[in-house]
Amino acid sequence: MTVKRFSELTEQELDKIIDKHFSHWSQYSELMTLENTIYKFKELYAKNKDIPYGIALVDKDDIIGFCVLKVDNLKFYPEYNPWISDVMIFDKYRGKGNGIKLINAAKDELRKLNYDKAYLWTDKAPVFYEKQGFKYIKDVLKNDESGYGRLYSIDIKEN
């Protein structure tokens, strides 16, 4: 199992990530478009040398999961950064510890960039992140103003 930046993936692998991300998250946001998702994943997250960029957990020739590291995530909370965002594990790889491996890889990446702390927000998996050591800060308004999620932080200096 390896961790690859989106820039190291084939176009087919990146398309698989885009399809998974869009098919899952577009049902929760009327503002999300496929065109914008393709742009962000191919032009921003796959080409940047510094954050924002995406990483994928890969086993042989199959994508297990992915996430995006960002400086800005929630427009109403610019004081919090950097972010672990867009975390997803493909269905057939869930329940096997791969989410933990992906989060640890994201923390490692941010540590290499000299960050001491990371943030994320979720409205779908708070218990998962709490089990990984993330500490609840407060409820936060989502960018599309469709409701609230929970903001978490984790110290990554030594984790």
Protein backbone atom coordinates (compact mmCIF):
# COMPACT_ATOMS: atom_id res chain seq x y z
CA MET A 1 0.00 0.00 0.00
CA THR A 2 1.37 3.41 -0.97
CA VAL A 3 0.41 7.04 -0.71
CA LYS A 4 0.49 9.04 -3.93
CA ARG A 5 -0.18 12.64 -4.71
CA PHE A 6 -2.91 13.21 -7.29
CA SER A 7 -0.14 14.43 -9.63
CA GLU A 8 1.31 10.88 -9.62
CA LEU A 9 -1.97 9.19 -10.61
CA THR A 10 -3.05 8.21 -14.08
CA GLU A 11 -5.88 10.14 -15.68
CA GLN A 12 -8.15 7.10 -15.20
CA GLU A 13 -7.32 6.94 -11.49
CA LEU A 14 -8.00 10.64 -11.05
CA ASP A 15 -11.27 10.30 -12.99
CA LYS A 16 -12.30 7.49 -10.60
CA ILE A 17 -11.67 9.81 -7.64
CA ILE A 18 -13.60 12.65 -9.27
CA ASP A 19 -16.55 10.36 -10.05
CA LYS A 20 -16.64 9.04 -6.48
CA HIS A 21 -16.39 12.49 -4.94
CA PHE A 22 -19.01 14.05 -7.19
CA SER A 23 -21.50 11.16 -7.08
CA HIS A 24 -21.39 11.12 -3.30
CA TRP A 25 -21.26 14.82 -2.37
CA SER A 26 -23.41 16.36 -5.11
CA GLN A 27 -26.49 14.83 -3.50
CA TYR A 28 -25.89 17.10 -0.50
CA SER A 29 -25.19 20.35 -2.36
CA GLU A 30 -27.20 21.94 -5.15
CA LEU A 31 -24.26 24.27 -5.80
CA MET A 32 -21.79 21.51 -6.72
CA THR A 33 -21.21 20.97 -10.43
CA LEU A 34 -19.27 18.26 -12.21
CA GLU A 35 -17.35 20.88 -14.20
CA ASN A 36 -16.18 22.67 -11.05
CA THR A 37 -15.27 19.36 -9.39
CA ILE A 38 -13.19 18.33 -12.42
CA TYR A 39 -11.47 21.71 -12.44
CA LYS A 40 -10.60 21.59 -8.74
CA PHE A 41 -9.33 18.01 -8.79
CA LYS A 42 -7.39 18.21 -12.08
CA GLU A 43 -6.19 21.81 -12.11
CA LEU A 44 -5.70 22.58 -8.43
CA TYR A 45 -5.33 19.40 -6.43
CA ALA A 46 -3.29 17.52 -9.04
CA LYS A 47 -0.96 20.32 -10.14
CA ASN A 48 -0.01 22.24 -7.01
CA LYS A 49 3.35 21.55 -5.39
CA ASP A 50 2.14 23.00 -2.09
CA ILE A 51 -1.33 22.80 -0.59
CA PRO A 52 -3.99 22.52 -1.79
CA TYR A 53 -3.19 19.09 -3.18
CA GLY A 54 -4.73 15.66 -3.03
CA ILE A 55 -3.36 12.34 -1.85
CA ALA A 56 -4.61 8.85 -2.56
CA LEU A 57 -4.10 5.57 -0.75
CA VAL A 58 -3.27 3.01 -3.45
CA ASP A 59 -2.91 -0.77 -3.33
CA LYS A 60 -1.35 -2.20 -6.48
CA ASP A 61 -3.48 -0.67 -9.23
CA ASP A 62 -6.54 0.22 -7.18
CA ILE A 63 -7.50 3.42 -5.38
CA ILE A 64 -8.51 2.68 -1.79
CA GLY A 65 -9.33 6.22 -0.73
CA PHE A 66 -8.32 9.86 -0.99
CA CYS A 67 -8.36 13.25 0.67
CA VAL A 68 -7.35 16.83 -0.06
CA LEU A 69 -5.06 19.03 2.03
CA LYS A 70 -6.09 22.68 1.99
CA VAL A 71 -5.17 26.00 3.57
CA ASP A 72 -8.71 27.35 3.15
CA ASN A 73 -11.79 25.21 3.47
CA LEU A 74 -14.77 26.83 5.16
CA LYS A 75 -15.15 30.42 3.95
CA PHE A 76 -16.70 31.54 7.23
CA TYR A 77 -13.72 30.30 9.29
CA PRO A 78 -10.48 31.54 7.66
CA GLU A 79 -8.69 31.52 11.02
CA TYR A 80 -8.49 27.71 10.95
CA ASN A 81 -5.86 26.02 8.77
CA PRO A 82 -4.61 23.72 7.36
CA TRP A 83 -7.46 21.34 6.58
CA ILE A 84 -7.81 17.64 5.88
CA SER A 85 -10.78 17.68 3.53
CA ASP A 86 -12.82 15.56 1.13
CA VAL A 87 -11.92 12.33 2.94
CA MET A 88 -13.36 9.25 1.23
CA ILE A 89 -12.69 5.52 1.27
CA PHE A 90 -14.14 3.48 -1.59
CA ASP A 91 -16.95 1.22 -0.40
CA LYS A 92 -15.21 -2.14 -0.85
CA TYR A 93 -12.28 -0.95 1.31
CA ARG A 94 -14.31 0.37 4.24
CA GLY A 95 -14.19 -1.26 7.66
CA LYS A 96 -10.61 -2.48 7.15
CA GLY A 97 -8.62 0.29 8.82
CA ASN A 98 -8.01 2.20 5.60
CA GLY A 99 -9.60 5.41 6.87
CA ILE A 100 -7.10 5.43 9.73
CA LYS A 101 -4.23 4.87 7.27
CA LEU A 102 -5.43 7.71 5.06
CA ILE A 103 -5.80 10.15 7.98
CA ASN A 104 -2.32 9.20 9.23
CA ALA A 105 -0.91 9.78 5.73
CA ALA A 106 -2.58 13.21 5.61
CA LYS A 107 -1.12 14.13 8.99
CA ASP A 108 2.32 12.97 7.81
CA GLU A 109 2.04 15.16 4.71
CA LEU A 110 1.09 18.21 6.77
CA ARG A 111 3.87 17.51 9.27
CA LYS A 112 6.39 17.48 6.38
CA LEU A 113 5.07 20.94 5.47
CA ASN A 114 5.86 22.08 9.05
CA TYR A 115 2.32 22.31 10.35
CA ASP A 116 1.70 21.51 14.02
CA LYS A 117 -2.08 21.19 13.89
CA ALA A 118 -4.74 20.12 11.40
CA TYR A 119 -8.47 20.82 11.16
CA LEU A 120 -11.41 19.09 9.57
CA TRP A 121 -15.14 19.36 9.65
CA THR A 122 -17.69 16.63 9.27
CA ASP A 123 -21.41 16.14 9.47
CA LYS A 124 -21.25 12.45 8.56
CA ALA A 125 -18.53 10.76 10.67
CA PRO A 126 -17.82 12.56 13.96
CA VAL A 127 -17.32 9.34 15.92
CA PHE A 128 -14.68 8.10 13.47
CA TYR A 129 -12.61 11.28 13.84
CA GLU A 130 -13.02 11.39 17.61
CA LYS A 131 -11.63 7.84 17.78
CA GLN A 132 -8.58 9.08 15.81
CA GLY A 133 -7.87 11.74 18.44
CA PHE A 134 -9.54 14.74 16.83
CA LYS A 135 -10.93 17.19 19.39
CA TYR A 136 -14.30 18.87 18.91
CA ILE A 137 -14.09 22.68 18.73
CA LYS A 138 -17.58 23.83 17.74
CA ASP A 139 -20.38 23.50 15.22
CA VAL A 140 -19.63 25.39 11.99
CA LEU A 141 -21.74 26.64 9.11
CA LYS A 142 -21.07 24.88 5.80
CA ASN A 143 -19.89 26.91 2.80
CA ASP A 144 -23.18 26.44 0.96
CA GLU A 145 -25.10 27.45 4.10
CA SER A 146 -27.06 24.18 3.99
CA GLY A 147 -26.54 23.48 7.64
CA TYR A 148 -23.84 22.80 10.17
CA GLY A 149 -21.00 20.38 10.60
CA ARG A 150 -18.65 19.76 13.48
CA LEU A 151 -15.20 21.38 13.51
CA TYR A 152 -12.31 19.30 14.87
CA SER A 153 -8.59 19.78 15.39
CA ILE A 154 -5.67 17.49 16.06
CA ASP A 155 -2.14 18.16 17.20
CA ILE A 156 0.15 16.59 14.58
CA LYS A 157 3.55 17.48 16.02
CA GLU A 158 4.04 14.02 17.49
CA ASN A 159 1.06 11.95 16.26
